[in-house]
Amino acid sequence: MGAILDLTEMLKEPEGMVGALVLIAGAYFFIKWVFNEEEEEEE
């Protein structure tokens, strides 16, 4: 629960928003890359 409160506090700051966007983009591309690797192995 504390981590969620820290995140919401961080998002109120402009730097926090940029950091959150970078984290989300990084996670998105990582997940996309992992699933792409699995699909290539099936062929």
C-alpha atoms as a PDB file:
ATOM      1  CA  MET A   1       0.000   0.000   0.000  1.00  0.00           C
ATOM      2  CA  GLY A   2       2.839   2.372   0.825  1.00  0.00           C
ATOM      3  CA  ALA A   3       4.332   1.919  -2.634  1.00  0.00           C
ATOM      4  CA  ILE A   4       1.043   2.969  -4.259  1.00  0.00           C
ATOM      5  CA  LEU A   5       0.901   6.108  -2.099  1.00  0.00           C
ATOM      6  CA  ASP A   6       4.509   6.916  -3.043  1.00  0.00           C
ATOM      7  CA  LEU A   7       3.606   6.522  -6.733  1.00  0.00           C
ATOM      8  CA  THR A   8       0.611   8.853  -6.497  1.00  0.00           C
ATOM      9  CA  GLU A   9       2.750  11.458  -4.701  1.00  0.00           C
ATOM     10  CA  MET A  10       5.446  11.072  -7.383  1.00  0.00           C
ATOM     11  CA  LEU A  11       2.884  11.590 -10.181  1.00  0.00           C
ATOM     12  CA  LYS A  12       1.983  15.033  -8.782  1.00  0.00           C
ATOM     13  CA  GLU A  13       5.486  16.231  -9.707  1.00  0.00           C
ATOM     14  CA  PRO A  14       6.395  16.913 -13.374  1.00  0.00           C
ATOM     15  CA  GLU A  15       9.564  14.811 -13.043  1.00  0.00           C
ATOM     16  CA  GLY A  16       7.505  11.985 -11.577  1.00  0.00           C
ATOM     17  CA  MET A  17       5.199  11.995 -14.589  1.00  0.00           C
ATOM     18  CA  VAL A  18       8.162  11.773 -16.966  1.00  0.00           C
ATOM     19  CA  GLY A  19       9.663   8.966 -14.894  1.00  0.00           C
ATOM     20  CA  ALA A  20       6.376   7.064 -14.895  1.00  0.00           C
ATOM     21  CA  LEU A  21       6.063   7.422 -18.684  1.00  0.00           C
ATOM     22  CA  VAL A  22       9.614   6.121 -19.133  1.00  0.00           C
ATOM     23  CA  LEU A  23       8.886   3.135 -16.867  1.00  0.00           C
ATOM     24  CA  ILE A  24       5.621   2.345 -18.670  1.00  0.00           C
ATOM     25  CA  ALA A  25       7.277   2.629 -22.089  1.00  0.00           C
ATOM     26  CA  GLY A  26      10.162   0.424 -20.946  1.00  0.00           C
ATOM     27  CA  ALA A  27       7.802  -2.222 -19.590  1.00  0.00           C
ATOM     28  CA  TYR A  28       5.684  -2.090 -22.764  1.00  0.00           C
ATOM     29  CA  PHE A  29       8.652  -2.615 -25.086  1.00  0.00           C
ATOM     30  CA  PHE A  30      10.087  -5.345 -22.834  1.00  0.00           C
ATOM     31  CA  ILE A  31       6.797  -7.278 -22.844  1.00  0.00           C
ATOM     32  CA  LYS A  32       6.400  -6.750 -26.608  1.00  0.00           C
ATOM     33  CA  TRP A  33       9.959  -8.059 -27.148  1.00  0.00           C
ATOM     34  CA  VAL A  34       9.405 -11.115 -24.938  1.00  0.00           C
ATOM     35  CA  PHE A  35       6.176 -12.119 -26.716  1.00  0.00           C
ATOM     36  CA  ASN A  36       7.767 -11.462 -30.122  1.00  0.00           C
ATOM     37  CA  GLU A  37      10.628 -13.837 -29.221  1.00  0.00           C
ATOM     38  CA  GLU A  38       8.131 -16.596 -28.339  1.00  0.00           C
ATOM     39  CA  GLU A  39       6.213 -16.174 -31.605  1.00  0.00           C
ATOM     40  CA  GLU A  40       9.400 -16.436 -33.672  1.00  0.00           C
ATOM     41  CA  GLU A  41      10.323 -19.729 -31.985  1.00  0.00           C
ATOM     42  CA  GLU A  42       6.970 -21.321 -32.946  1.00  0.00           C
ATOM     43  CA  GLU A  43       7.524 -20.826 -36.672  1.00  0.00           C
END
